Amino acid sequence: MGGQALKNTFTRRYERAEYYVLREHILTQLRTDFPARKIAAIQAYRTKDSFGDLDILMDTDDLNLDLSDYIHTCFKPHELVRNTNVYSFDYQQFQIDIIGSPSEDFDISLHYFAWNDLGNIIGRLYHKMGFKYGHNGLILIVRERNNILAEINLSKDINKILAFAELDTTLYAQGFDTLEDIFKFSASSPYFNKGIYLLDNRNHASRIRDKKRSTYNALLKWLETQDDLPAYPWDSLREHGGREIKPLFLQRAFEWFPHAKPQYEALLAQNEQRKRANEKFNGLLIQSWVGLEDKALGAFMRYLRERSQEETTNFTEWLDTHNLAEIRAWILAHYKLYSITHS
């Protein structure tokens, strides 16, 4: 994606008319060869007059062939580059990107990639709230300090996702004619603040990535000309932590997406249980009970975990429901057997 994946073969920009002819040709070919699959071109703003590549989203669930082999056979490119689920190749001096997608993520991926970086732009709003918006939907990241415990998918429904940030779903459904239309739509959320987009306020990785995006640079130039935009006071929420989800928006997520709260609370409870279990089963304790060290200690602990799988359905739960004396007795009993078999 972005028209820069191919380094060893000549490609050029296409003017609007020839681009749409080629797009129809590629789509027809793919839909003929894969009639049962969802296949769609990623939508750009409607007045775009030239294109650096053609992005096509394709459902690749349970694909019973090698997509690289298919591309070589069907389109005979001079160069093909695969980057995880993206297959970039040249055809008629133009870069084609086929983006593989799980079927369950196809619809939200089509929205996320559409409209020239809109997904990335409004994704900054959700990021400030403490969430992640991407090709698989709106995600609540469950953390303990800087450790990610799990992710909860809040929604793959674009209308619910947009409404959560108070973006107009009717306006979105109409599409966008220009980049400025896209920027105005993004800035219509009351949670917008142009400061969150400035490169100086981004981390290093994001700054390097977004400096290469032409649409993002156009957004920055547009922001310089705008004086009457929402300015949500994100700075006032800093005390709640950098990556931590803001309590205000966590509660909002529970109200908008009712399935999230029981999942969130269960994950926190599991984490607390895991921490309690670790206090009763760790290298320092076991070393003090059996006297083993270093590699010998590690080997014995692996042995204990193997035995636990045979004797319990949930070792963490077993540790949590037994006291330290009971756990010590269990370990010492196994150490006697271990000493015999590993002497």
C-alpha atoms as a PDB file:
ATOM      1  CA  MET A   1       0.000   0.000   0.000  1.00  0.00           C
ATOM      2  CA  GLY A   2       1.177   3.515  -0.725  1.00  0.00           C
ATOM      3  CA  GLY A   3       2.719   2.717  -4.107  1.00  0.00           C
ATOM      4  CA  GLN A   4       6.301   2.277  -2.846  1.00  0.00           C
ATOM      5  CA  ALA A   5       6.641  -1.468  -2.226  1.00  0.00           C
ATOM      6  CA  LEU A   6       8.276  -2.312  -5.571  1.00  0.00           C
ATOM      7  CA  LYS A   7      11.925  -1.293  -5.799  1.00  0.00           C
ATOM      8  CA  ASN A   8      13.234  -3.333  -8.726  1.00  0.00           C
ATOM      9  CA  THR A   9      10.760  -2.709 -11.515  1.00  0.00           C
ATOM     10  CA  PHE A  10       9.361   0.374 -13.212  1.00  0.00           C
ATOM     11  CA  THR A  11       5.920   1.604 -12.194  1.00  0.00           C
ATOM     12  CA  ARG A  12       4.242   4.947 -12.765  1.00  0.00           C
ATOM     13  CA  ARG A  13       1.281   6.978 -11.581  1.00  0.00           C
ATOM     14  CA  TYR A  14      -1.961   6.488 -13.467  1.00  0.00           C
ATOM     15  CA  GLU A  15      -4.286   9.287 -14.419  1.00  0.00           C
ATOM     16  CA  ARG A  16      -7.867   9.012 -13.211  1.00  0.00           C
ATOM     17  CA  ALA A  17      -9.444   7.571 -16.379  1.00  0.00           C
ATOM     18  CA  GLU A  18      -6.848   4.862 -17.009  1.00  0.00           C
ATOM     19  CA  TYR A  19      -6.831   3.944 -13.323  1.00  0.00           C
ATOM     20  CA  TYR A  20     -10.546   3.148 -13.308  1.00  0.00           C
ATOM     21  CA  VAL A  21     -10.227   1.072 -16.484  1.00  0.00           C
ATOM     22  CA  LEU A  22      -7.429  -0.977 -14.920  1.00  0.00           C
ATOM     23  CA  ARG A  23      -9.281  -1.266 -11.620  1.00  0.00           C
ATOM     24  CA  GLU A  24     -12.319  -2.756 -13.345  1.00  0.00           C
ATOM     25  CA  HIS A  25     -10.113  -5.171 -15.282  1.00  0.00           C
ATOM     26  CA  ILE A  26      -8.357  -6.445 -12.150  1.00  0.00           C
ATOM     27  CA  LEU A  27     -11.580  -6.729 -10.160  1.00  0.00           C
ATOM     28  CA  THR A  28     -13.297  -8.627 -12.971  1.00  0.00           C
ATOM     29  CA  GLN A  29     -10.385 -11.061 -13.195  1.00  0.00           C
ATOM     30  CA  LEU A  30     -10.307 -11.713  -9.451  1.00  0.00           C
ATOM     31  CA  ARG A  31     -14.076 -12.073  -9.147  1.00  0.00           C
ATOM     32  CA  THR A  32     -14.098 -14.495 -12.072  1.00  0.00           C
ATOM     33  CA  ASP A  33     -11.365 -16.633 -10.542  1.00  0.00           C
ATOM     34  CA  PHE A  34     -12.718 -16.387  -6.960  1.00  0.00           C
ATOM     35  CA  PRO A  35     -16.509 -16.056  -7.376  1.00  0.00           C
ATOM     36  CA  ALA A  36     -17.388 -17.068  -3.808  1.00  0.00           C
ATOM     37  CA  ARG A  37     -15.102 -14.536  -2.112  1.00  0.00           C
ATOM     38  CA  LYS A  38     -15.568 -10.950  -0.999  1.00  0.00           C
ATOM     39  CA  ILE A  39     -13.354  -8.735  -3.164  1.00  0.00           C
ATOM     40  CA  ALA A  40     -13.439  -4.926  -3.297  1.00  0.00           C
ATOM     41  CA  ALA A  41     -11.249  -1.979  -4.248  1.00  0.00           C
ATOM     42  CA  ILE A  42     -10.318   0.410  -1.461  1.00  0.00           C
ATOM     43  CA  GLN A  43     -12.239   3.662  -1.982  1.00  0.00           C
ATOM     44  CA  ALA A  44     -10.347   6.936  -2.480  1.00  0.00           C
ATOM     45  CA  TYR A  45     -11.848  10.434  -2.318  1.00  0.00           C
ATOM     46  CA  ARG A  46     -13.897  10.946  -5.463  1.00  0.00           C
ATOM     47  CA  THR A  47     -12.045  13.853  -7.109  1.00  0.00           C
ATOM     48  CA  LYS A  48      -8.593  12.268  -6.822  1.00  0.00           C
ATOM     49  CA  ASP A  49      -6.989  12.849 -10.232  1.00  0.00           C
ATOM     50  CA  SER A  50      -4.034  10.427 -10.156  1.00  0.00           C
ATOM     51  CA  PHE A  51      -3.063   7.230  -8.370  1.00  0.00           C
ATOM     52  CA  GLY A  52       0.180   5.576  -7.290  1.00  0.00           C
ATOM     53  CA  ASP A  53      -1.287   2.106  -6.751  1.00  0.00           C
ATOM     54  CA  LEU A  54      -4.463   0.052  -6.681  1.00  0.00           C
ATOM     55  CA  ASP A  55      -5.447  -1.436  -3.310  1.00  0.00           C
ATOM     56  CA  ILE A  56      -7.791  -4.411  -3.386  1.00  0.00           C
ATOM     57  CA  LEU A  57      -9.137  -6.150  -0.303  1.00  0.00           C
ATOM     58  CA  MET A  58      -9.767  -9.874  -0.617  1.00  0.00           C
ATOM     59  CA  ASP A  59     -11.241 -12.453   1.739  1.00  0.00           C
ATOM     60  CA  THR A  60      -8.482 -15.071   2.014  1.00  0.00           C
ATOM     61  CA  ASP A  61      -9.969 -17.372   4.661  1.00  0.00           C
ATOM     62  CA  ASP A  62      -9.166 -21.026   3.901  1.00  0.00           C
ATOM     63  CA  LEU A  63      -7.681 -20.169   0.512  1.00  0.00           C
ATOM     64  CA  ASN A  64      -6.683 -23.501  -1.006  1.00  0.00           C
ATOM     65  CA  LEU A  65      -3.926 -22.120  -3.193  1.00  0.00           C
ATOM     66  CA  ASP A  66      -0.764 -20.061  -2.867  1.00  0.00           C
ATOM     67  CA  LEU A  67      -1.752 -16.493  -3.714  1.00  0.00           C
ATOM     68  CA  SER A  68       1.799 -15.698  -4.849  1.00  0.00           C
ATOM     69  CA  ASP A  69       1.661 -18.571  -7.350  1.00  0.00           C
ATOM     70  CA  TYR A  70      -1.726 -17.374  -8.577  1.00  0.00           C
ATOM     71  CA  ILE A  71      -0.465 -13.813  -9.113  1.00  0.00           C
ATOM     72  CA  HIS A  72       2.592 -15.051 -11.028  1.00  0.00           C
ATOM     73  CA  THR A  73       0.443 -17.253 -13.255  1.00  0.00           C
ATOM     74  CA  CYS A  74      -2.398 -14.803 -13.859  1.00  0.00           C
ATOM     75  CA  PHE A  75      -0.695 -11.394 -13.995  1.00  0.00           C
ATOM     76  CA  LYS A  76       2.921 -12.360 -14.818  1.00  0.00           C
ATOM     77  CA  PRO A  77       4.556  -9.516 -12.868  1.00  0.00           C
ATOM     78  CA  HIS A  78       8.219  -8.594 -13.083  1.00  0.00           C
ATOM     79  CA  GLU A  79       8.294  -8.241  -9.295  1.00  0.00           C
ATOM     80  CA  LEU A  80       6.139  -9.497  -6.428  1.00  0.00           C
ATOM     81  CA  VAL A  81       6.712  -8.507  -2.817  1.00  0.00           C
ATOM     82  CA  ARG A  82       4.823 -10.073   0.066  1.00  0.00           C
ATOM     83  CA  ASN A  83       4.596  -8.249   3.394  1.00  0.00           C
ATOM     84  CA  THR A  84       2.575 -10.479   5.726  1.00  0.00           C
ATOM     85  CA  ASN A  85      -0.930 -10.323   4.205  1.00  0.00           C
ATOM     86  CA  VAL A  86      -0.190  -7.750   1.468  1.00  0.00           C
ATOM     87  CA  TYR A  87       0.876  -8.912  -1.993  1.00  0.00           C
ATOM     88  CA  SER A  88       2.370  -6.092  -4.084  1.00  0.00           C
ATOM     89  CA  PHE A  89       3.134  -6.635  -7.758  1.00  0.00           C
ATOM     90  CA  ASP A  90       3.383  -4.731 -11.037  1.00  0.00           C
ATOM     91  CA  TYR A  91       0.891  -5.004 -13.857  1.00  0.00           C
ATOM     92  CA  GLN A  92       0.909  -2.755 -16.913  1.00  0.00           C
ATOM     93  CA  GLN A  93       3.518  -0.526 -15.243  1.00  0.00           C
ATOM     94  CA  PHE A  94       1.315  -0.018 -12.200  1.00  0.00           C
ATOM     95  CA  GLN A  95       1.541  -1.294  -8.611  1.00  0.00           C
ATOM     96  CA  ILE A  96      -1.283  -3.564  -7.490  1.00  0.00           C
ATOM     97  CA  ASP A  97      -1.709  -4.420  -3.798  1.00  0.00           C
ATOM     98  CA  ILE A  98      -3.901  -7.355  -2.878  1.00  0.00           C
ATOM     99  CA  ILE A  99      -4.611  -7.185   0.847  1.00  0.00           C
ATOM    100  CA  GLY A 100      -5.656 -10.482   2.385  1.00  0.00           C
ATOM    101  CA  SER A 101      -8.303 -10.328   5.086  1.00  0.00           C
ATOM    102  CA  PRO A 102     -10.101 -12.784   7.378  1.00  0.00           C
ATOM    103  CA  SER A 103     -13.738 -12.956   6.389  1.00  0.00           C
ATOM    104  CA  GLU A 104     -14.921 -11.670   9.770  1.00  0.00           C
ATOM    105  CA  ASP A 105     -12.788  -8.526   9.385  1.00  0.00           C
ATOM    106  CA  PHE A 106     -13.503  -7.834   5.721  1.00  0.00           C
ATOM    107  CA  ASP A 107     -16.222  -5.202   6.130  1.00  0.00           C
ATOM    108  CA  ILE A 108     -14.488  -3.191   8.857  1.00  0.00           C
ATOM    109  CA  SER A 109     -11.151  -3.459   7.005  1.00  0.00           C
ATOM    110  CA  LEU A 110     -12.804  -1.999   3.915  1.00  0.00           C
ATOM    111  CA  HIS A 111     -13.915   0.975   5.998  1.00  0.00           C
ATOM    112  CA  TYR A 112     -10.630   1.350   7.869  1.00  0.00           C
ATOM    113  CA  PHE A 113      -8.498   1.468   4.709  1.00  0.00           C
ATOM    114  CA  ALA A 114     -10.954   3.663   2.769  1.00  0.00           C
ATOM    115  CA  TRP A 115     -10.885   7.393   2.134  1.00  0.00           C
ATOM    116  CA  ASN A 116      -7.158   8.078   2.028  1.00  0.00           C
ATOM    117  CA  ASP A 117      -5.938   7.558   5.582  1.00  0.00           C
ATOM    118  CA  LEU A 118      -9.181   8.501   7.312  1.00  0.00           C
ATOM    119  CA  GLY A 119      -8.866   5.387   9.474  1.00  0.00           C
ATOM    120  CA  ASN A 120      -5.447   6.481  10.688  1.00  0.00           C
ATOM    121  CA  ILE A 121      -6.625  10.042  11.298  1.00  0.00           C
ATOM    122  CA  ILE A 122      -9.670   9.221  13.393  1.00  0.00           C
ATOM    123  CA  GLY A 123      -7.679   6.404  14.969  1.00  0.00           C
ATOM    124  CA  ARG A 124      -5.777   9.137  16.814  1.00  0.00           C
ATOM    125  CA  LEU A 125      -9.015  10.077  18.624  1.00  0.00           C
ATOM    126  CA  TYR A 126      -9.556   6.522  19.835  1.00  0.00           C
ATOM    127  CA  HIS A 127      -5.883   6.235  20.777  1.00  0.00           C
ATOM    128  CA  LYS A 128      -6.180   9.283  23.033  1.00  0.00           C
ATOM    129  CA  MET A 129      -9.222   7.701  24.681  1.00  0.00           C
ATOM    130  CA  GLY A 130      -7.115   4.615  25.374  1.00  0.00           C
ATOM    131  CA  PHE A 131      -8.410   2.339  22.624  1.00  0.00           C
ATOM    132  CA  LYS A 132      -7.063   1.040  19.314  1.00  0.00           C
ATOM    133  CA  TYR A 133      -8.878   1.389  16.001  1.00  0.00           C
ATOM    134  CA  GLY A 134      -7.650  -0.713  13.105  1.00  0.00           C
ATOM    135  CA  HIS A 135      -8.567  -3.156  10.371  1.00  0.00           C
ATOM    136  CA  ASN A 136     -10.118  -5.526  12.931  1.00  0.00           C
ATOM    137  CA  GLY A 137     -12.336  -2.924  14.606  1.00  0.00           C
ATOM    138  CA  LEU A 138     -12.305  -0.915  17.814  1.00  0.00           C
ATOM    139  CA  ILE A 139     -10.223  -2.616  20.483  1.00  0.00           C
ATOM    140  CA  LEU A 140     -10.042  -2.139  24.243  1.00  0.00           C
ATOM    141  CA  ILE A 141      -6.517  -2.998  25.372  1.00  0.00           C
ATOM    142  CA  VAL A 142      -6.480  -4.391  28.906  1.00  0.00           C
ATOM    143  CA  ARG A 143      -3.235  -3.403  30.628  1.00  0.00           C
ATOM    144  CA  GLU A 144      -1.542  -3.611  33.953  1.00  0.00           C
ATOM    145  CA  ARG A 145       0.879  -0.713  33.882  1.00  0.00           C
ATOM    146  CA  ASN A 146       2.884  -1.275  30.687  1.00  0.00           C
ATOM    147  CA  ASN A 147       1.958  -4.939  30.322  1.00  0.00           C
ATOM    148  CA  ILE A 148      -0.797  -5.895  27.899  1.00  0.00           C
ATOM    149  CA  LEU A 149      -2.999  -8.549  29.474  1.00  0.00           C
ATOM    150  CA  ALA A 150      -5.440  -9.013  26.607  1.00  0.00           C
ATOM    151  CA  GLU A 151      -7.539  -7.242  23.988  1.00  0.00           C
ATOM    152  CA  ILE A 152     -11.322  -7.001  23.858  1.00  0.00           C
ATOM    153  CA  ASN A 153     -12.961  -6.306  20.519  1.00  0.00           C
ATOM    154  CA  LEU A 154     -15.586  -3.665  21.224  1.00  0.00           C
ATOM    155  CA  SER A 155     -17.089  -3.555  17.741  1.00  0.00           C
ATOM    156  CA  LYS A 156     -16.543  -4.239  14.050  1.00  0.00           C
ATOM    157  CA  ASP A 157     -19.604  -2.146  13.142  1.00  0.00           C
ATOM    158  CA  ILE A 158     -18.434   1.095  11.520  1.00  0.00           C
ATOM    159  CA  ASN A 159     -21.569   2.981  12.530  1.00  0.00           C
ATOM    160  CA  LYS A 160     -21.160   2.087  16.213  1.00  0.00           C
ATOM    161  CA  ILE A 161     -17.446   2.870  16.077  1.00  0.00           C
ATOM    162  CA  LEU A 162     -17.981   6.302  14.526  1.00  0.00           C
ATOM    163  CA  ALA A 163     -20.880   7.149  16.815  1.00  0.00           C
ATOM    164  CA  PHE A 164     -18.710   6.321  19.845  1.00  0.00           C
ATOM    165  CA  ALA A 165     -16.518   9.305  18.881  1.00  0.00           C
ATOM    166  CA  GLU A 166     -19.654  11.336  18.010  1.00  0.00           C
ATOM    167  CA  LEU A 167     -18.853  11.337  14.296  1.00  0.00           C
ATOM    168  CA  ASP A 168     -21.808  11.675  11.910  1.00  0.00           C
ATOM    169  CA  THR A 169     -22.573   8.249  10.446  1.00  0.00           C
ATOM    170  CA  THR A 170     -24.968   9.691   7.842  1.00  0.00           C
ATOM    171  CA  LEU A 171     -22.286  12.047   6.562  1.00  0.00           C
ATOM    172  CA  TYR A 172     -19.786   9.205   6.464  1.00  0.00           C
ATOM    173  CA  ALA A 173     -22.167   7.050   4.414  1.00  0.00           C
ATOM    174  CA  GLN A 174     -22.295   9.777   1.757  1.00  0.00           C
ATOM    175  CA  GLY A 175     -18.547   9.498   1.186  1.00  0.00           C
ATOM    176  CA  PHE A 176     -16.040  12.248   0.477  1.00  0.00           C
ATOM    177  CA  ASP A 177     -15.230  14.227  -2.636  1.00  0.00           C
ATOM    178  CA  THR A 178     -12.004  15.879  -1.451  1.00  0.00           C
ATOM    179  CA  LEU A 179      -9.272  15.544   1.131  1.00  0.00           C
ATOM    180  CA  GLU A 180     -10.646  18.620   2.862  1.00  0.00           C
ATOM    181  CA  ASP A 181     -13.986  16.849   3.239  1.00  0.00           C
ATOM    182  CA  ILE A 182     -12.155  14.013   4.992  1.00  0.00           C
ATOM    183  CA  PHE A 183     -10.304  16.438   7.276  1.00  0.00           C
ATOM    184  CA  LYS A 184     -13.487  18.330   8.139  1.00  0.00           C
ATOM    185  CA  PHE A 185     -15.247  15.083   8.979  1.00  0.00           C
ATOM    186  CA  SER A 186     -12.395  14.003  11.274  1.00  0.00           C
ATOM    187  CA  ALA A 187     -12.413  17.385  13.006  1.00  0.00           C
ATOM    188  CA  SER A 188     -16.172  17.275  13.580  1.00  0.00           C
ATOM    189  CA  SER A 189     -15.775  15.051  16.644  1.00  0.00           C
ATOM    190  CA  PRO A 190     -15.952  16.970  19.939  1.00  0.00           C
ATOM    191  CA  TYR A 191     -12.911  14.909  20.991  1.00  0.00           C
ATOM    192  CA  PHE A 192     -10.786  16.427  18.230  1.00  0.00           C
ATOM    193  CA  ASN A 193      -7.744  18.511  19.107  1.00  0.00           C
ATOM    194  CA  LYS A 194      -5.239  19.400  16.410  1.00  0.00           C
ATOM    195  CA  GLY A 195      -2.414  19.160  18.926  1.00  0.00           C
ATOM    196  CA  ILE A 196      -2.664  15.364  18.965  1.00  0.00           C
ATOM    197  CA  TYR A 197      -1.705  15.279  15.262  1.00  0.00           C
ATOM    198  CA  LEU A 198       1.384  17.485  15.367  1.00  0.00           C
ATOM    199  CA  LEU A 199       4.502  15.442  14.672  1.00  0.00           C
ATOM    200  CA  ASP A 200       6.300  16.929  17.667  1.00  0.00           C
ATOM    201  CA  ASN A 201       3.640  15.378  19.886  1.00  0.00           C
ATOM    202  CA  ARG A 202       3.947  11.884  18.378  1.00  0.00           C
ATOM    203  CA  ASN A 203       6.300   9.134  19.483  1.00  0.00           C
ATOM    204  CA  HIS A 204       9.334   8.388  17.332  1.00  0.00           C
ATOM    205  CA  ALA A 205       7.868   5.419  15.443  1.00  0.00           C
ATOM    206  CA  SER A 206       4.606   7.238  14.666  1.00  0.00           C
ATOM    207  CA  ARG A 207       6.463  10.394  13.646  1.00  0.00           C
ATOM    208  CA  ILE A 208       8.673   8.507  11.178  1.00  0.00           C
ATOM    209  CA  ARG A 209       5.698   6.591   9.753  1.00  0.00           C
ATOM    210  CA  ASP A 210       3.311   9.513   9.349  1.00  0.00           C
ATOM    211  CA  LYS A 211       5.942  11.860   7.871  1.00  0.00           C
ATOM    212  CA  LYS A 212       5.916   9.507   4.859  1.00  0.00           C
ATOM    213  CA  ARG A 213       2.132   9.704   4.402  1.00  0.00           C
ATOM    214  CA  SER A 214       1.103  12.322   1.860  1.00  0.00           C
ATOM    215  CA  THR A 215      -2.434  12.541   3.252  1.00  0.00           C
ATOM    216  CA  TYR A 216      -1.153  13.039   6.795  1.00  0.00           C
ATOM    217  CA  ASN A 217       1.143  15.842   5.612  1.00  0.00           C
ATOM    218  CA  ALA A 218      -1.797  17.422   3.808  1.00  0.00           C
ATOM    219  CA  LEU A 219      -3.765  17.218   7.064  1.00  0.00           C
ATOM    220  CA  LEU A 220      -0.999  19.040   8.938  1.00  0.00           C
ATOM    221  CA  LYS A 221      -0.970  21.831   6.339  1.00  0.00           C
ATOM    222  CA  TRP A 222      -4.768  22.085   6.517  1.00  0.00           C
ATOM    223  CA  LEU A 223      -4.668  22.306  10.319  1.00  0.00           C
ATOM    224  CA  GLU A 224      -2.324  25.297  10.055  1.00  0.00           C
ATOM    225  CA  THR A 225      -5.096  27.215   8.275  1.00  0.00           C
ATOM    226  CA  GLN A 226      -7.887  26.332  10.725  1.00  0.00           C
ATOM    227  CA  ASP A 227      -8.735  28.400  13.798  1.00  0.00           C
ATOM    228  CA  ASP A 228     -12.245  27.274  14.734  1.00  0.00           C
ATOM    229  CA  LEU A 229     -11.869  23.580  15.510  1.00  0.00           C
ATOM    230  CA  PRO A 230     -12.809  21.551  18.588  1.00  0.00           C
ATOM    231  CA  ALA A 231     -10.024  21.510  21.170  1.00  0.00           C
ATOM    232  CA  TYR A 232     -10.808  18.711  23.581  1.00  0.00           C
ATOM    233  CA  PRO A 233      -8.683  19.181  26.749  1.00  0.00           C
ATOM    234  CA  TRP A 234      -6.610  16.014  26.481  1.00  0.00           C
ATOM    235  CA  ASP A 235      -3.761  17.569  28.476  1.00  0.00           C
ATOM    236  CA  SER A 236      -5.987  17.732  31.540  1.00  0.00           C
ATOM    237  CA  LEU A 237      -6.302  13.922  31.504  1.00  0.00           C
ATOM    238  CA  ARG A 238      -2.566  13.250  31.558  1.00  0.00           C
ATOM    239  CA  GLU A 239      -2.551  12.418  35.243  1.00  0.00           C
ATOM    240  CA  HIS A 240      -4.334   9.171  34.423  1.00  0.00           C
ATOM    241  CA  GLY A 241      -1.258   7.889  32.597  1.00  0.00           C
ATOM    242  CA  GLY A 242       0.110   7.825  29.074  1.00  0.00           C
ATOM    243  CA  ARG A 243      -1.119   4.503  27.711  1.00  0.00           C
ATOM    244  CA  GLU A 244      -3.700   3.813  30.400  1.00  0.00           C
ATOM    245  CA  ILE A 245      -7.283   3.952  29.238  1.00  0.00           C
ATOM    246  CA  LYS A 246      -8.955   7.025  30.674  1.00  0.00           C
ATOM    247  CA  PRO A 247     -11.599   6.129  33.318  1.00  0.00           C
ATOM    248  CA  LEU A 248     -14.120   8.429  31.645  1.00  0.00           C
ATOM    249  CA  PHE A 249     -13.862   6.553  28.346  1.00  0.00           C
ATOM    250  CA  LEU A 250     -13.663   3.133  29.953  1.00  0.00           C
ATOM    251  CA  GLN A 251     -17.050   3.770  31.533  1.00  0.00           C
ATOM    252  CA  ARG A 252     -18.323   5.110  28.201  1.00  0.00           C
ATOM    253  CA  ALA A 253     -17.150   1.911  26.490  1.00  0.00           C
ATOM    254  CA  PHE A 254     -19.006  -0.228  29.053  1.00  0.00           C
ATOM    255  CA  GLU A 255     -22.192   1.730  28.338  1.00  0.00           C
ATOM    256  CA  TRP A 256     -21.868   1.603  24.550  1.00  0.00           C
ATOM    257  CA  PHE A 257     -20.619  -1.972  24.300  1.00  0.00           C
ATOM    258  CA  PRO A 258     -22.240  -3.950  27.184  1.00  0.00           C
ATOM    259  CA  HIS A 259     -20.333  -7.163  26.461  1.00  0.00           C
ATOM    260  CA  ALA A 260     -17.048  -5.436  27.334  1.00  0.00           C
ATOM    261  CA  LYS A 261     -17.499  -4.954  31.096  1.00  0.00           C
ATOM    262  CA  PRO A 262     -17.869  -8.633  32.116  1.00  0.00           C
ATOM    263  CA  GLN A 263     -14.947  -9.568  29.852  1.00  0.00           C
ATOM    264  CA  TYR A 264     -12.829  -6.748  31.280  1.00  0.00           C
ATOM    265  CA  GLU A 265     -13.598  -7.671  34.890  1.00  0.00           C
ATOM    266  CA  ALA A 266     -12.950 -11.370  34.208  1.00  0.00           C
ATOM    267  CA  LEU A 267      -9.540 -10.570  32.709  1.00  0.00           C
ATOM    268  CA  LEU A 268      -8.586  -8.442  35.708  1.00  0.00           C
ATOM    269  CA  ALA A 269      -9.743 -11.211  38.073  1.00  0.00           C
ATOM    270  CA  GLN A 270      -7.696 -13.782  36.151  1.00  0.00           C
ATOM    271  CA  ASN A 271      -4.649 -11.534  36.361  1.00  0.00           C
ATOM    272  CA  GLU A 272      -5.041 -11.139  40.125  1.00  0.00           C
ATOM    273  CA  GLN A 273      -5.423 -14.891  40.460  1.00  0.00           C
ATOM    274  CA  ARG A 274      -2.276 -15.404  38.390  1.00  0.00           C
ATOM    275  CA  LYS A 275      -0.319 -13.012  40.617  1.00  0.00           C
ATOM    276  CA  ARG A 276      -1.502 -14.814  43.769  1.00  0.00           C
ATOM    277  CA  ALA A 277      -0.498 -18.135  42.224  1.00  0.00           C
ATOM    278  CA  ASN A 278       2.945 -16.796  41.311  1.00  0.00           C
ATOM    279  CA  GLU A 279       3.515 -15.858  44.947  1.00  0.00           C
ATOM    280  CA  LYS A 280       3.052 -19.541  45.874  1.00  0.00           C
ATOM    281  CA  PHE A 281       4.897 -21.106  42.951  1.00  0.00           C
ATOM    282  CA  ASN A 282       8.159 -19.428  41.945  1.00  0.00           C
ATOM    283  CA  GLY A 283      11.829 -20.217  41.655  1.00  0.00           C
ATOM    284  CA  LEU A 284      12.896 -18.625  44.931  1.00  0.00           C
ATOM    285  CA  LEU A 285      10.356 -20.570  46.977  1.00  0.00           C
ATOM    286  CA  ILE A 286      11.029 -23.902  45.308  1.00  0.00           C
ATOM    287  CA  GLN A 287      14.785 -23.383  45.593  1.00  0.00           C
ATOM    288  CA  SER A 288      14.410 -22.823  49.337  1.00  0.00           C
ATOM    289  CA  TRP A 289      12.392 -26.059  49.664  1.00  0.00           C
ATOM    290  CA  VAL A 290      14.462 -28.455  47.538  1.00  0.00           C
ATOM    291  CA  GLY A 291      17.874 -26.773  47.296  1.00  0.00           C
ATOM    292  CA  LEU A 292      18.199 -26.879  43.483  1.00  0.00           C
ATOM    293  CA  GLU A 293      19.716 -23.978  41.541  1.00  0.00           C
ATOM    294  CA  ASP A 294      20.062 -22.641  38.021  1.00  0.00           C
ATOM    295  CA  LYS A 295      19.429 -25.213  35.228  1.00  0.00           C
ATOM    296  CA  ALA A 296      18.612 -27.973  37.679  1.00  0.00           C
ATOM    297  CA  LEU A 297      15.952 -25.801  39.274  1.00  0.00           C
ATOM    298  CA  GLY A 298      14.515 -24.886  35.882  1.00  0.00           C
ATOM    299  CA  ALA A 299      14.339 -28.531  34.845  1.00  0.00           C
ATOM    300  CA  PHE A 300      12.511 -29.473  38.058  1.00  0.00           C
ATOM    301  CA  MET A 301      10.014 -26.633  37.640  1.00  0.00           C
ATOM    302  CA  ARG A 302       9.275 -27.819  34.099  1.00  0.00           C
ATOM    303  CA  TYR A 303       8.740 -31.303  35.529  1.00  0.00           C
ATOM    304  CA  LEU A 304       6.285 -29.905  38.073  1.00  0.00           C
ATOM    305  CA  ARG A 305       4.324 -28.101  35.392  1.00  0.00           C
ATOM    306  CA  GLU A 306       4.137 -31.296  33.341  1.00  0.00           C
ATOM    307  CA  ARG A 307       2.816 -33.186  36.348  1.00  0.00           C
ATOM    308  CA  SER A 308       0.320 -30.396  37.061  1.00  0.00           C
ATOM    309  CA  GLN A 309      -1.167 -30.814  33.585  1.00  0.00           C
ATOM    310  CA  GLU A 310      -1.804 -34.463  34.351  1.00  0.00           C
ATOM    311  CA  GLU A 311      -3.269 -33.829  37.802  1.00  0.00           C
ATOM    312  CA  THR A 312      -5.236 -30.584  37.411  1.00  0.00           C
ATOM    313  CA  THR A 313      -7.351 -28.930  34.734  1.00  0.00           C
ATOM    314  CA  ASN A 314      -6.242 -25.442  35.795  1.00  0.00           C
ATOM    315  CA  PHE A 315      -2.946 -25.244  37.676  1.00  0.00           C
ATOM    316  CA  THR A 316      -3.285 -21.523  38.361  1.00  0.00           C
ATOM    317  CA  GLU A 317      -6.678 -22.086  39.964  1.00  0.00           C
ATOM    318  CA  TRP A 318      -5.312 -25.052  41.953  1.00  0.00           C
ATOM    319  CA  LEU A 319      -2.479 -22.903  43.318  1.00  0.00           C
ATOM    320  CA  ASP A 320      -4.910 -20.135  44.210  1.00  0.00           C
ATOM    321  CA  THR A 321      -7.177 -22.490  46.169  1.00  0.00           C
ATOM    322  CA  HIS A 322      -4.411 -24.250  48.140  1.00  0.00           C
ATOM    323  CA  ASN A 323      -2.369 -22.785  50.966  1.00  0.00           C
ATOM    324  CA  LEU A 324       1.408 -22.588  50.975  1.00  0.00           C
ATOM    325  CA  ALA A 325       1.832 -25.625  53.245  1.00  0.00           C
ATOM    326  CA  GLU A 326      -0.264 -27.787  50.923  1.00  0.00           C
ATOM    327  CA  ILE A 327       1.654 -26.606  47.875  1.00  0.00           C
ATOM    328  CA  ARG A 328       4.996 -27.240  49.601  1.00  0.00           C
ATOM    329  CA  ALA A 329       3.907 -30.776  50.498  1.00  0.00           C
ATOM    330  CA  TRP A 330       2.862 -31.433  46.870  1.00  0.00           C
ATOM    331  CA  ILE A 331       6.201 -30.168  45.559  1.00  0.00           C
ATOM    332  CA  LEU A 332       8.266 -32.149  48.066  1.00  0.00           C
ATOM    333  CA  ALA A 333       6.337 -35.337  47.266  1.00  0.00           C
ATOM    334  CA  HIS A 334       7.106 -34.865  43.574  1.00  0.00           C
ATOM    335  CA  TYR A 335      10.716 -34.028  44.370  1.00  0.00           C
ATOM    336  CA  LYS A 336      11.178 -37.463  45.930  1.00  0.00           C
ATOM    337  CA  LEU A 337       9.923 -39.115  42.740  1.00  0.00           C
ATOM    338  CA  TYR A 338      11.940 -36.727  40.583  1.00  0.00           C
ATOM    339  CA  SER A 339      15.139 -37.455  42.526  1.00  0.00           C
ATOM    340  CA  ILE A 340      14.691 -41.190  41.903  1.00  0.00           C
ATOM    341  CA  THR A 341      13.984 -40.920  38.171  1.00  0.00           C
ATOM    342  CA  HIS A 342      16.582 -38.205  37.496  1.00  0.00           C
ATOM    343  CA  SER A 343      19.445 -39.367  39.709  1.00  0.00           C
END
